[in-house]
Amino acid sequence: MSFTIAIDGPAAAGKGTISKAVAAEFGFAHLDTGLLYRAVGAKVLAGTEAVQAAQNLQSEDFGDADLRTTKVAEAASKVAAIPAVRSALLDFQIEFAARDGGAVLDGRDIGTVICPNADVKLFVTASAEVRADRRFKELTAKGDQTDFQKVLAAVIARDERDAARDVAPMVAAADAITLDTSDMSIENAVAQAISAIRAKYIPS
């Protein structure tokens, strides 16, 4: 049985944490599609041409700890705006979504482009200030010397880039359930997501 859950939203809204919790709750496979673009972005920073990097992506490319850095995130956002890069990664995501046993995919265009017929669609968001604060704390905890205003500017710039790109812009699907986590604990956000999914999921 296949059952697909699409979870979209901007950076640091909580979609990754929610997606992992949902996958664990229902026993579904999970794919952080952002890692695909981060891996391509990292290869571009290392000197590989973007489309070539996307076409030759290997599973081992997803394990690099540097994929979570701000520099790679910015590179990922830029390569994600290249139509040929998105095309190269499309089939992998579609095949993953259709796998038996259920799948949870999180990203920015899952419910609108990758899985427009997903069984459940969630759009997880939060204010730019709240998301910047989360990212700032995450970075400083890792020893990254930065400041809040710089992180906020990067979050806003990323949002604008993701929402304005010509191909697969970040937007909530018309039939997506929106979760604004600005004033939610992660436990509450996960509980609401699971409740929304459980209302539509009937195990075989």
N, C-alpha and C. Protein backbone atom coordinates (compact mmCIF):
# COMPACT_ATOMS: atom_id res chain seq x y z
N MET A 1 0.84 -1.20 0.00
CA MET A 1 0.00 0.00 0.00
C MET A 1 0.87 1.24 0.00
N SER A 2 0.55 2.18 -0.87
CA SER A 2 1.27 3.45 -0.88
C SER A 2 0.39 4.54 -0.26
N PHE A 3 1.00 5.38 0.52
CA PHE A 3 0.29 6.51 1.13
C PHE A 3 1.32 7.62 1.21
N THR A 4 1.04 8.72 0.54
CA THR A 4 2.03 9.79 0.42
C THR A 4 1.64 11.02 1.21
N ILE A 5 2.59 11.52 2.00
CA ILE A 5 2.39 12.73 2.79
C ILE A 5 3.38 13.78 2.29
N ALA A 6 2.88 14.91 1.84
CA ALA A 6 3.72 16.01 1.36
C ALA A 6 3.76 17.11 2.41
N ILE A 7 4.95 17.48 2.83
CA ILE A 7 5.09 18.52 3.84
C ILE A 7 6.02 19.61 3.30
N ASP A 8 5.45 20.78 3.07
CA ASP A 8 6.21 21.91 2.52
C ASP A 8 6.33 23.04 3.53
N GLY A 9 7.20 23.99 3.21
CA GLY A 9 7.34 25.17 4.06
C GLY A 9 8.72 25.77 3.96
N PRO A 10 8.88 26.98 4.48
CA PRO A 10 10.17 27.67 4.42
C PRO A 10 11.17 27.11 5.43
N ALA A 11 12.39 27.59 5.34
CA ALA A 11 13.46 27.14 6.23
C ALA A 11 13.16 27.45 7.69
N ALA A 12 13.50 26.48 8.56
CA ALA A 12 13.39 26.64 10.01
C ALA A 12 11.96 26.79 10.53
N ALA A 13 10.99 26.35 9.73
CA ALA A 13 9.59 26.39 10.18
C ALA A 13 9.26 25.18 11.04
N GLY A 14 10.08 24.14 10.91
CA GLY A 14 9.86 22.93 11.69
C GLY A 14 9.43 21.74 10.85
N LYS A 15 9.39 21.89 9.53
CA LYS A 15 8.87 20.81 8.68
C LYS A 15 9.75 19.56 8.73
N GLY A 16 11.05 19.73 8.88
CA GLY A 16 11.93 18.57 8.94
C GLY A 16 11.69 17.74 10.19
N THR A 17 11.61 18.42 11.32
CA THR A 17 11.35 17.74 12.60
C THR A 17 9.98 17.07 12.58
N ILE A 18 8.99 17.78 12.07
CA ILE A 18 7.64 17.22 11.98
C ILE A 18 7.61 16.02 11.04
N SER A 19 8.29 16.13 9.92
CA SER A 19 8.31 15.04 8.94
C SER A 19 8.92 13.77 9.52
N LYS A 20 10.02 13.92 10.22
CA LYS A 20 10.67 12.75 10.83
C LYS A 20 9.77 12.11 11.88
N ALA A 21 9.10 12.95 12.68
CA ALA A 21 8.21 12.43 13.72
C ALA A 21 7.00 11.72 13.10
N VAL A 22 6.47 12.30 12.03
CA VAL A 22 5.32 11.70 11.35
C VAL A 22 5.72 10.35 10.74
N ALA A 23 6.88 10.32 10.09
CA ALA A 23 7.35 9.07 9.48
C ALA A 23 7.53 7.98 10.54
N ALA A 24 8.07 8.36 11.68
CA ALA A 24 8.27 7.40 12.77
C ALA A 24 6.93 6.92 13.33
N GLU A 25 5.98 7.83 13.46
CA GLU A 25 4.67 7.51 14.02
C GLU A 25 3.93 6.48 13.16
N PHE A 26 3.99 6.66 11.84
CA PHE A 26 3.24 5.79 10.94
C PHE A 26 4.08 4.68 10.31
N GLY A 27 5.37 4.68 10.59
CA GLY A 27 6.25 3.66 10.01
C GLY A 27 6.51 3.85 8.54
N PHE A 28 6.49 5.11 8.09
CA PHE A 28 6.72 5.43 6.68
C PHE A 28 8.19 5.80 6.43
N ALA A 29 8.60 5.68 5.18
CA ALA A 29 9.93 6.13 4.79
C ALA A 29 9.92 7.66 4.70
N HIS A 30 11.06 8.29 4.98
CA HIS A 30 11.13 9.76 4.97
C HIS A 30 12.22 10.24 4.03
N LEU A 31 11.91 11.27 3.27
CA LEU A 31 12.91 11.90 2.40
C LEU A 31 12.91 13.40 2.61
N ASP A 32 14.04 13.91 3.05
CA ASP A 32 14.25 15.36 3.14
C ASP A 32 14.76 15.79 1.77
N THR A 33 13.86 16.29 0.93
CA THR A 33 14.26 16.61 -0.45
C THR A 33 15.25 17.76 -0.50
N GLY A 34 15.27 18.57 0.57
CA GLY A 34 16.24 19.66 0.61
C GLY A 34 17.67 19.15 0.58
N LEU A 35 17.88 17.93 1.10
CA LEU A 35 19.22 17.35 1.09
C LEU A 35 19.72 17.13 -0.34
N LEU A 36 18.78 16.82 -1.24
CA LEU A 36 19.17 16.63 -2.64
C LEU A 36 19.79 17.91 -3.18
N TYR A 37 19.12 19.02 -2.91
CA TYR A 37 19.61 20.30 -3.42
C TYR A 37 20.84 20.79 -2.65
N ARG A 38 20.89 20.48 -1.36
CA ARG A 38 22.09 20.83 -0.59
C ARG A 38 23.30 20.06 -1.12
N ALA A 39 23.09 18.79 -1.45
CA ALA A 39 24.20 17.98 -1.97
C ALA A 39 24.69 18.54 -3.30
N VAL A 40 23.74 18.96 -4.14
CA VAL A 40 24.11 19.57 -5.41
C VAL A 40 24.83 20.90 -5.16
N GLY A 41 24.28 21.70 -4.24
CA GLY A 41 24.91 22.97 -3.91
C GLY A 41 26.33 22.80 -3.41
N ALA A 42 26.55 21.78 -2.60
CA ALA A 42 27.90 21.51 -2.07
C ALA A 42 28.85 21.15 -3.19
N LYS A 43 28.36 20.38 -4.15
CA LYS A 43 29.21 20.00 -5.28
C LYS A 43 29.55 21.22 -6.16
N VAL A 44 28.56 22.12 -6.28
CA VAL A 44 28.80 23.34 -7.05
C VAL A 44 29.87 24.20 -6.36
N LEU A 45 29.78 24.31 -5.04
CA LEU A 45 30.80 25.07 -4.30
C LEU A 45 32.18 24.44 -4.45
N ALA A 46 32.19 23.12 -4.69
CA ALA A 46 33.47 22.41 -4.85
C ALA A 46 33.97 22.48 -6.29
N GLY A 47 33.16 23.11 -7.18
CA GLY A 47 33.63 23.31 -8.54
C GLY A 47 32.92 22.55 -9.63
N THR A 48 31.92 21.75 -9.28
CA THR A 48 31.18 20.98 -10.28
C THR A 48 30.05 21.81 -10.86
N GLU A 49 29.79 21.66 -12.14
CA GLU A 49 28.68 22.37 -12.79
C GLU A 49 27.36 21.83 -12.22
N ALA A 50 26.39 22.72 -12.02
CA ALA A 50 25.16 22.39 -11.30
C ALA A 50 24.39 21.21 -11.89
N VAL A 51 24.10 21.25 -13.18
CA VAL A 51 23.31 20.19 -13.80
C VAL A 51 24.06 18.86 -13.76
N GLN A 52 25.34 18.91 -14.02
CA GLN A 52 26.16 17.69 -13.96
C GLN A 52 26.14 17.10 -12.55
N ALA A 53 26.20 17.98 -11.54
CA ALA A 53 26.18 17.53 -10.15
C ALA A 53 24.85 16.83 -9.84
N ALA A 54 23.74 17.39 -10.34
CA ALA A 54 22.42 16.81 -10.09
C ALA A 54 22.26 15.47 -10.79
N GLN A 55 22.79 15.37 -11.98
CA GLN A 55 22.65 14.13 -12.76
C GLN A 55 23.49 12.99 -12.19
N ASN A 56 24.55 13.32 -11.48
CA ASN A 56 25.47 12.30 -10.97
C ASN A 56 25.42 12.15 -9.45
N LEU A 57 24.35 12.60 -8.84
CA LEU A 57 24.22 12.53 -7.39
C LEU A 57 24.18 11.07 -6.92
N GLN A 58 24.91 10.78 -5.84
CA GLN A 58 24.94 9.44 -5.27
C GLN A 58 24.46 9.50 -3.82
N SER A 59 23.97 8.37 -3.30
CA SER A 59 23.43 8.34 -1.95
C SER A 59 24.47 8.76 -0.91
N GLU A 60 25.74 8.46 -1.16
CA GLU A 60 26.78 8.84 -0.20
C GLU A 60 26.98 10.35 -0.11
N ASP A 61 26.47 11.07 -1.09
CA ASP A 61 26.60 12.53 -1.08
C ASP A 61 25.72 13.18 -0.01
N PHE A 62 24.77 12.42 0.55
CA PHE A 62 23.84 12.99 1.53
C PHE A 62 24.35 12.93 2.96
N GLY A 63 25.50 12.29 3.19
CA GLY A 63 25.98 12.10 4.55
C GLY A 63 26.98 13.14 5.03
N ASP A 64 27.31 14.11 4.22
CA ASP A 64 28.30 15.12 4.58
C ASP A 64 27.73 16.09 5.61
N ALA A 65 28.41 16.24 6.73
CA ALA A 65 27.94 17.14 7.80
C ALA A 65 27.88 18.59 7.33
N ASP A 66 28.70 18.95 6.34
CA ASP A 66 28.73 20.33 5.85
C ASP A 66 27.46 20.72 5.10
N LEU A 67 26.59 19.75 4.80
CA LEU A 67 25.35 20.07 4.07
C LEU A 67 24.43 20.97 4.89
N ARG A 68 24.64 21.04 6.21
CA ARG A 68 23.77 21.84 7.07
C ARG A 68 24.29 23.25 7.31
N THR A 69 25.37 23.64 6.64
CA THR A 69 25.92 24.97 6.86
C THR A 69 25.12 26.02 6.08
N THR A 70 25.22 27.27 6.53
CA THR A 70 24.52 28.37 5.86
C THR A 70 25.01 28.55 4.43
N LYS A 71 26.30 28.38 4.22
CA LYS A 71 26.89 28.56 2.89
C LYS A 71 26.30 27.56 1.90
N VAL A 72 26.17 26.32 2.32
CA VAL A 72 25.60 25.28 1.45
C VAL A 72 24.11 25.53 1.24
N ALA A 73 23.41 26.00 2.29
CA ALA A 73 21.98 26.29 2.16
C ALA A 73 21.74 27.36 1.11
N GLU A 74 22.57 28.38 1.09
CA GLU A 74 22.43 29.45 0.10
C GLU A 74 22.71 28.92 -1.31
N ALA A 75 23.72 28.05 -1.43
CA ALA A 75 24.04 27.46 -2.72
C ALA A 75 22.89 26.57 -3.19
N ALA A 76 22.29 25.85 -2.24
CA ALA A 76 21.17 24.96 -2.57
C ALA A 76 19.99 25.76 -3.11
N SER A 77 19.70 26.90 -2.50
CA SER A 77 18.60 27.74 -2.94
C SER A 77 18.83 28.24 -4.36
N LYS A 78 20.07 28.53 -4.69
CA LYS A 78 20.39 29.05 -6.03
C LYS A 78 20.28 27.94 -7.08
N VAL A 79 20.81 26.76 -6.79
CA VAL A 79 20.75 25.69 -7.79
C VAL A 79 19.31 25.18 -7.94
N ALA A 80 18.50 25.32 -6.88
CA ALA A 80 17.11 24.87 -6.94
C ALA A 80 16.29 25.71 -7.91
N ALA A 81 16.79 26.89 -8.27
CA ALA A 81 16.08 27.76 -9.21
C ALA A 81 16.42 27.43 -10.66
N ILE A 82 17.31 26.44 -10.87
CA ILE A 82 17.72 26.06 -12.22
C ILE A 82 16.82 24.93 -12.71
N PRO A 83 16.00 25.17 -13.74
CA PRO A 83 15.05 24.15 -14.21
C PRO A 83 15.68 22.79 -14.50
N ALA A 84 16.85 22.77 -15.11
CA ALA A 84 17.48 21.49 -15.48
C ALA A 84 17.91 20.70 -14.24
N VAL A 85 18.25 21.41 -13.18
CA VAL A 85 18.61 20.73 -11.92
C VAL A 85 17.36 20.08 -11.33
N ARG A 86 16.27 20.82 -11.28
CA ARG A 86 15.02 20.29 -10.73
C ARG A 86 14.55 19.09 -11.54
N SER A 87 14.70 19.17 -12.86
CA SER A 87 14.29 18.07 -13.73
C SER A 87 15.10 16.82 -13.44
N ALA A 88 16.40 16.99 -13.22
CA ALA A 88 17.28 15.86 -12.97
C ALA A 88 16.94 15.14 -11.67
N LEU A 89 16.38 15.86 -10.71
CA LEU A 89 16.07 15.28 -9.40
C LEU A 89 14.61 14.86 -9.27
N LEU A 90 13.81 15.18 -10.27
CA LEU A 90 12.37 14.94 -10.19
C LEU A 90 12.01 13.46 -10.10
N ASP A 91 12.55 12.64 -10.99
CA ASP A 91 12.18 11.23 -11.04
C ASP A 91 12.49 10.51 -9.73
N PHE A 92 13.63 10.83 -9.14
CA PHE A 92 14.01 10.19 -7.88
C PHE A 92 12.96 10.45 -6.81
N GLN A 93 12.50 11.69 -6.73
CA GLN A 93 11.52 12.05 -5.71
C GLN A 93 10.16 11.40 -5.97
N ILE A 94 9.75 11.36 -7.23
CA ILE A 94 8.46 10.77 -7.58
C ILE A 94 8.45 9.28 -7.27
N GLU A 95 9.54 8.60 -7.60
CA GLU A 95 9.63 7.17 -7.33
C GLU A 95 9.61 6.90 -5.82
N PHE A 96 10.28 7.74 -5.06
CA PHE A 96 10.30 7.58 -3.61
C PHE A 96 8.89 7.74 -3.05
N ALA A 97 8.17 8.72 -3.54
CA ALA A 97 6.82 9.01 -3.04
C ALA A 97 5.86 7.86 -3.28
N ALA A 98 6.08 7.09 -4.35
CA ALA A 98 5.15 6.02 -4.73
C ALA A 98 5.51 4.68 -4.11
N ARG A 99 6.53 4.63 -3.29
CA ARG A 99 6.99 3.35 -2.73
C ARG A 99 5.93 2.71 -1.85
N ASP A 100 5.93 1.39 -1.80
CA ASP A 100 5.02 0.65 -0.93
C ASP A 100 5.39 0.92 0.53
N GLY A 101 4.36 0.94 1.39
CA GLY A 101 4.63 1.12 2.81
C GLY A 101 4.51 2.54 3.29
N GLY A 102 4.26 3.48 2.37
CA GLY A 102 4.07 4.87 2.76
C GLY A 102 5.33 5.71 2.70
N ALA A 103 5.17 6.98 2.40
CA ALA A 103 6.31 7.88 2.29
C ALA A 103 5.95 9.28 2.74
N VAL A 104 6.90 9.91 3.40
CA VAL A 104 6.78 11.30 3.82
C VAL A 104 7.89 12.07 3.13
N LEU A 105 7.54 13.09 2.38
CA LEU A 105 8.54 13.92 1.71
C LEU A 105 8.38 15.35 2.20
N ASP A 106 9.48 15.99 2.55
CA ASP A 106 9.39 17.40 2.92
C ASP A 106 10.29 18.24 2.03
N GLY A 107 9.79 19.43 1.71
CA GLY A 107 10.53 20.32 0.83
C GLY A 107 9.80 21.63 0.65
N ARG A 108 9.80 22.13 -0.58
CA ARG A 108 9.14 23.39 -0.87
C ARG A 108 8.12 23.30 -2.00
N ASP A 109 8.19 22.21 -2.77
CA ASP A 109 7.25 22.06 -3.89
C ASP A 109 6.68 20.65 -3.94
N ILE A 110 6.63 19.97 -2.80
CA ILE A 110 6.17 18.58 -2.80
C ILE A 110 4.68 18.48 -3.13
N GLY A 111 3.88 19.27 -2.44
CA GLY A 111 2.43 19.20 -2.65
C GLY A 111 1.96 19.84 -3.94
N THR A 112 2.79 20.68 -4.54
CA THR A 112 2.38 21.39 -5.76
C THR A 112 2.95 20.78 -7.03
N VAL A 113 4.17 20.23 -6.96
CA VAL A 113 4.85 19.74 -8.16
C VAL A 113 5.20 18.25 -8.08
N ILE A 114 5.87 17.85 -7.02
CA ILE A 114 6.35 16.46 -6.92
C ILE A 114 5.19 15.50 -6.70
N CYS A 115 4.33 15.81 -5.75
CA CYS A 115 3.22 14.92 -5.39
C CYS A 115 1.90 15.69 -5.34
N PRO A 116 1.42 16.19 -6.48
CA PRO A 116 0.18 16.96 -6.46
C PRO A 116 -1.02 16.14 -6.03
N ASN A 117 -0.90 14.81 -6.08
CA ASN A 117 -2.00 13.93 -5.66
C ASN A 117 -1.71 13.25 -4.33
N ALA A 118 -0.85 13.85 -3.52
CA ALA A 118 -0.51 13.29 -2.22
C ALA A 118 -1.78 13.11 -1.39
N ASP A 119 -1.78 12.07 -0.56
CA ASP A 119 -2.95 11.78 0.26
C ASP A 119 -3.19 12.84 1.32
N VAL A 120 -2.10 13.39 1.85
CA VAL A 120 -2.19 14.48 2.83
C VAL A 120 -1.11 15.51 2.49
N LYS A 121 -1.49 16.78 2.53
CA LYS A 121 -0.53 17.86 2.29
C LYS A 121 -0.54 18.81 3.48
N LEU A 122 0.63 19.11 3.98
CA LEU A 122 0.78 20.07 5.06
C LEU A 122 1.70 21.19 4.59
N PHE A 123 1.42 22.41 5.02
CA PHE A 123 2.32 23.53 4.77
C PHE A 123 2.69 24.09 6.13
N VAL A 124 3.94 23.88 6.51
CA VAL A 124 4.42 24.29 7.84
C VAL A 124 5.15 25.62 7.71
N THR A 125 4.72 26.62 8.47
CA THR A 125 5.32 27.93 8.36
C THR A 125 5.49 28.57 9.73
N ALA A 126 6.11 29.73 9.77
CA ALA A 126 6.30 30.51 10.99
C ALA A 126 6.81 31.88 10.54
N SER A 127 6.73 32.87 11.42
CA SER A 127 7.21 34.20 11.03
C SER A 127 8.71 34.17 10.76
N ALA A 128 9.17 35.10 9.93
CA ALA A 128 10.59 35.17 9.60
C ALA A 128 11.44 35.38 10.85
N GLU A 129 10.94 36.19 11.78
CA GLU A 129 11.68 36.48 13.01
C GLU A 129 11.85 35.23 13.87
N VAL A 130 10.78 34.47 14.00
CA VAL A 130 10.84 33.24 14.80
C VAL A 130 11.79 32.23 14.13
N ARG A 131 11.69 32.11 12.83
CA ARG A 131 12.55 31.15 12.13
C ARG A 131 14.01 31.57 12.19
N ALA A 132 14.26 32.86 12.09
CA ALA A 132 15.64 33.36 12.19
C ALA A 132 16.20 33.10 13.58
N ASP A 133 15.37 33.28 14.59
CA ASP A 133 15.82 33.03 15.97
C ASP A 133 16.18 31.56 16.15
N ARG A 134 15.37 30.68 15.60
CA ARG A 134 15.66 29.24 15.68
C ARG A 134 16.98 28.92 14.99
N ARG A 135 17.15 29.46 13.78
CA ARG A 135 18.37 29.20 13.03
C ARG A 135 19.59 29.81 13.72
N PHE A 136 19.43 31.00 14.28
CA PHE A 136 20.52 31.68 14.99
C PHE A 136 20.99 30.82 16.17
N LYS A 137 20.04 30.31 16.94
CA LYS A 137 20.39 29.48 18.10
C LYS A 137 21.07 28.18 17.66
N GLU A 138 20.59 27.64 16.55
CA GLU A 138 21.17 26.41 16.01
C GLU A 138 22.61 26.64 15.58
N LEU A 139 22.85 27.75 14.90
CA LEU A 139 24.20 28.06 14.41
C LEU A 139 25.17 28.37 15.53
N THR A 140 24.73 29.19 16.49
CA THR A 140 25.62 29.57 17.59
C THR A 140 25.93 28.37 18.47
N ALA A 141 24.98 27.44 18.58
CA ALA A 141 25.22 26.23 19.37
C ALA A 141 26.33 25.38 18.74
N LYS A 142 26.50 25.54 17.44
CA LYS A 142 27.55 24.80 16.73
C LYS A 142 28.87 25.57 16.69
N GLY A 143 28.85 26.78 17.31
CA GLY A 143 30.06 27.57 17.34
C GLY A 143 30.21 28.54 16.18
N ASP A 144 29.18 28.69 15.38
CA ASP A 144 29.21 29.62 14.25
C ASP A 144 29.13 31.06 14.77
N GLN A 145 30.10 31.86 14.42
CA GLN A 145 30.13 33.26 14.86
C GLN A 145 29.29 34.11 13.91
N THR A 146 28.07 34.39 14.30
CA THR A 146 27.18 35.19 13.47
C THR A 146 26.34 36.07 14.36
N ASP A 147 25.43 36.85 13.79
CA ASP A 147 24.54 37.67 14.61
C ASP A 147 23.12 37.54 14.07
N PHE A 148 22.16 37.87 14.92
CA PHE A 148 20.76 37.63 14.59
C PHE A 148 20.33 38.37 13.33
N GLN A 149 20.70 39.63 13.19
CA GLN A 149 20.26 40.41 12.04
C GLN A 149 20.77 39.83 10.73
N LYS A 150 21.97 39.29 10.76
CA LYS A 150 22.53 38.66 9.57
C LYS A 150 21.73 37.40 9.21
N VAL A 151 21.38 36.62 10.22
CA VAL A 151 20.60 35.41 10.00
C VAL A 151 19.20 35.75 9.50
N LEU A 152 18.60 36.79 10.09
CA LEU A 152 17.26 37.22 9.67
C LEU A 152 17.28 37.65 8.21
N ALA A 153 18.28 38.42 7.83
CA ALA A 153 18.39 38.88 6.44
C ALA A 153 18.53 37.69 5.49
N ALA A 154 19.28 36.68 5.90
CA ALA A 154 19.46 35.49 5.07
C ALA A 154 18.16 34.71 4.93
N VAL A 155 17.39 34.62 6.02
CA VAL A 155 16.11 33.91 5.99
C VAL A 155 15.13 34.62 5.05
N ILE A 156 15.07 35.94 5.15
CA ILE A 156 14.15 36.72 4.29
C ILE A 156 14.56 36.60 2.83
N ALA A 157 15.88 36.68 2.57
CA ALA A 157 16.37 36.57 1.19
C ALA A 157 16.06 35.19 0.62
N ARG A 158 16.22 34.16 1.46
CA ARG A 158 15.93 32.80 1.02
C ARG A 158 14.44 32.65 0.69
N ASP A 159 13.59 33.19 1.53
CA ASP A 159 12.15 33.13 1.29
C ASP A 159 11.79 33.78 -0.04
N GLU A 160 12.36 34.94 -0.28
CA GLU A 160 12.05 35.67 -1.50
C GLU A 160 12.52 34.91 -2.73
N ARG A 161 13.71 34.31 -2.63
CA ARG A 161 14.27 33.55 -3.74
C ARG A 161 13.41 32.32 -4.02
N ASP A 162 13.01 31.62 -2.97
CA ASP A 162 12.23 30.40 -3.13
C ASP A 162 10.82 30.68 -3.65
N ALA A 163 10.23 31.79 -3.22
CA ALA A 163 8.86 32.11 -3.63
C ALA A 163 8.80 32.74 -5.02
N ALA A 164 9.90 33.36 -5.45
CA ALA A 164 9.87 34.12 -6.71
C ALA A 164 10.43 33.36 -7.90
N ARG A 165 11.02 32.18 -7.67
CA ARG A 165 11.63 31.48 -8.80
C ARG A 165 10.56 31.07 -9.82
N ASP A 166 10.95 31.02 -11.07
CA ASP A 166 10.01 30.74 -12.15
C ASP A 166 9.52 29.29 -12.13
N VAL A 167 10.41 28.38 -11.73
CA VAL A 167 10.06 26.96 -11.73
C VAL A 167 9.79 26.50 -10.30
N ALA A 168 8.63 25.88 -10.08
CA ALA A 168 8.26 25.29 -8.79
C ALA A 168 8.51 26.23 -7.61
N PRO A 169 7.90 27.40 -7.61
CA PRO A 169 8.08 28.31 -6.47
C PRO A 169 7.48 27.74 -5.20
N MET A 170 7.99 28.18 -4.06
CA MET A 170 7.45 27.72 -2.79
C MET A 170 6.11 28.40 -2.54
N VAL A 171 5.08 27.58 -2.47
CA VAL A 171 3.73 28.09 -2.22
C VAL A 171 2.91 26.95 -1.64
N ALA A 172 1.98 27.28 -0.77
CA ALA A 172 1.13 26.24 -0.20
C ALA A 172 0.17 25.72 -1.26
N ALA A 173 0.02 24.41 -1.35
CA ALA A 173 -0.96 23.83 -2.27
C ALA A 173 -2.35 24.27 -1.83
N ALA A 174 -3.25 24.39 -2.78
CA ALA A 174 -4.60 24.87 -2.48
C ALA A 174 -5.30 23.99 -1.45
N ASP A 175 -4.99 22.70 -1.45
CA ASP A 175 -5.65 21.77 -0.52
C ASP A 175 -4.75 21.37 0.65
N ALA A 176 -3.71 22.16 0.92
CA ALA A 176 -2.81 21.86 2.04
C ALA A 176 -3.38 22.39 3.35
N ILE A 177 -3.08 21.68 4.42
CA ILE A 177 -3.42 22.12 5.77
C ILE A 177 -2.24 22.94 6.28
N THR A 178 -2.48 24.19 6.66
CA THR A 178 -1.40 25.07 7.12
C THR A 178 -1.20 24.95 8.63
N LEU A 179 0.05 24.77 9.03
CA LEU A 179 0.43 24.76 10.44
C LEU A 179 1.40 25.92 10.68
N ASP A 180 0.97 26.92 11.41
CA ASP A 180 1.84 28.03 11.77
C ASP A 180 2.45 27.72 13.13
N THR A 181 3.74 27.44 13.13
CA THR A 181 4.41 27.00 14.36
C THR A 181 5.05 28.15 15.14
N SER A 182 4.74 29.39 14.78
CA SER A 182 5.37 30.55 15.42
C SER A 182 5.24 30.49 16.94
N ASP A 183 4.05 30.13 17.42
CA ASP A 183 3.79 30.11 18.86
C ASP A 183 3.52 28.70 19.38
N MET A 184 3.97 27.70 18.63
CA MET A 184 3.75 26.31 19.03
C MET A 184 5.02 25.67 19.57
N SER A 185 4.85 24.77 20.51
CA SER A 185 5.97 23.91 20.90
C SER A 185 6.09 22.86 19.81
N ILE A 186 7.26 22.24 19.68
CA ILE A 186 7.42 21.22 18.65
C ILE A 186 6.50 20.04 18.94
N GLU A 187 6.26 19.76 20.22
CA GLU A 187 5.38 18.65 20.59
C GLU A 187 3.94 18.91 20.10
N ASN A 188 3.50 20.16 20.25
CA ASN A 188 2.16 20.52 19.81
C ASN A 188 2.05 20.48 18.29
N ALA A 189 3.08 20.96 17.62
CA ALA A 189 3.08 20.97 16.16
C ALA A 189 3.04 19.54 15.61
N VAL A 190 3.83 18.67 16.20
CA VAL A 190 3.85 17.26 15.78
C VAL A 190 2.49 16.62 16.03
N ALA A 191 1.91 16.89 17.19
CA ALA A 191 0.60 16.32 17.54
C ALA A 191 -0.47 16.76 16.55
N GLN A 192 -0.45 18.04 16.16
CA GLN A 192 -1.44 18.53 15.21
C GLN A 192 -1.26 17.90 13.83
N ALA A 193 0.00 17.74 13.43
CA ALA A 193 0.28 17.11 12.14
C ALA A 193 -0.20 15.66 12.13
N ILE A 194 0.11 14.93 13.18
CA ILE A 194 -0.30 13.53 13.27
C ILE A 194 -1.82 13.40 13.28
N SER A 195 -2.48 14.31 13.99
CA SER A 195 -3.95 14.28 14.05
C SER A 195 -4.55 14.50 12.67
N ALA A 196 -4.00 15.45 11.91
CA ALA A 196 -4.52 15.75 10.57
C ALA A 196 -4.32 14.56 9.64
N ILE A 197 -3.18 13.89 9.77
CA ILE A 197 -2.89 12.73 8.91
C ILE A 197 -3.74 11.53 9.30
N ARG A 198 -3.88 11.31 10.60
CA ARG A 198 -4.65 10.16 11.08
C ARG A 198 -6.11 10.23 10.61
N ALA A 199 -6.60 11.45 10.42
CA ALA A 199 -7.99 11.62 9.97
C ALA A 199 -8.19 11.09 8.55
N LYS A 200 -7.08 10.97 7.79
CA LYS A 200 -7.19 10.52 6.39
C LYS A 200 -6.54 9.17 6.13
N TYR A 201 -5.80 8.68 7.10
CA TYR A 201 -5.05 7.43 6.89
C TYR A 201 -5.78 6.24 7.50
N ILE A 202 -6.10 5.27 6.66
CA ILE A 202 -6.74 4.04 7.12
C ILE A 202 -5.82 2.89 6.74
N PRO A 203 -5.07 2.34 7.70
CA PRO A 203 -4.14 1.25 7.40
C PRO A 203 -4.85 0.06 6.78
N SER A 204 -4.20 -0.59 5.85
CA SER A 204 -4.79 -1.77 5.20
C SER A 204 -4.61 -3.00 6.06
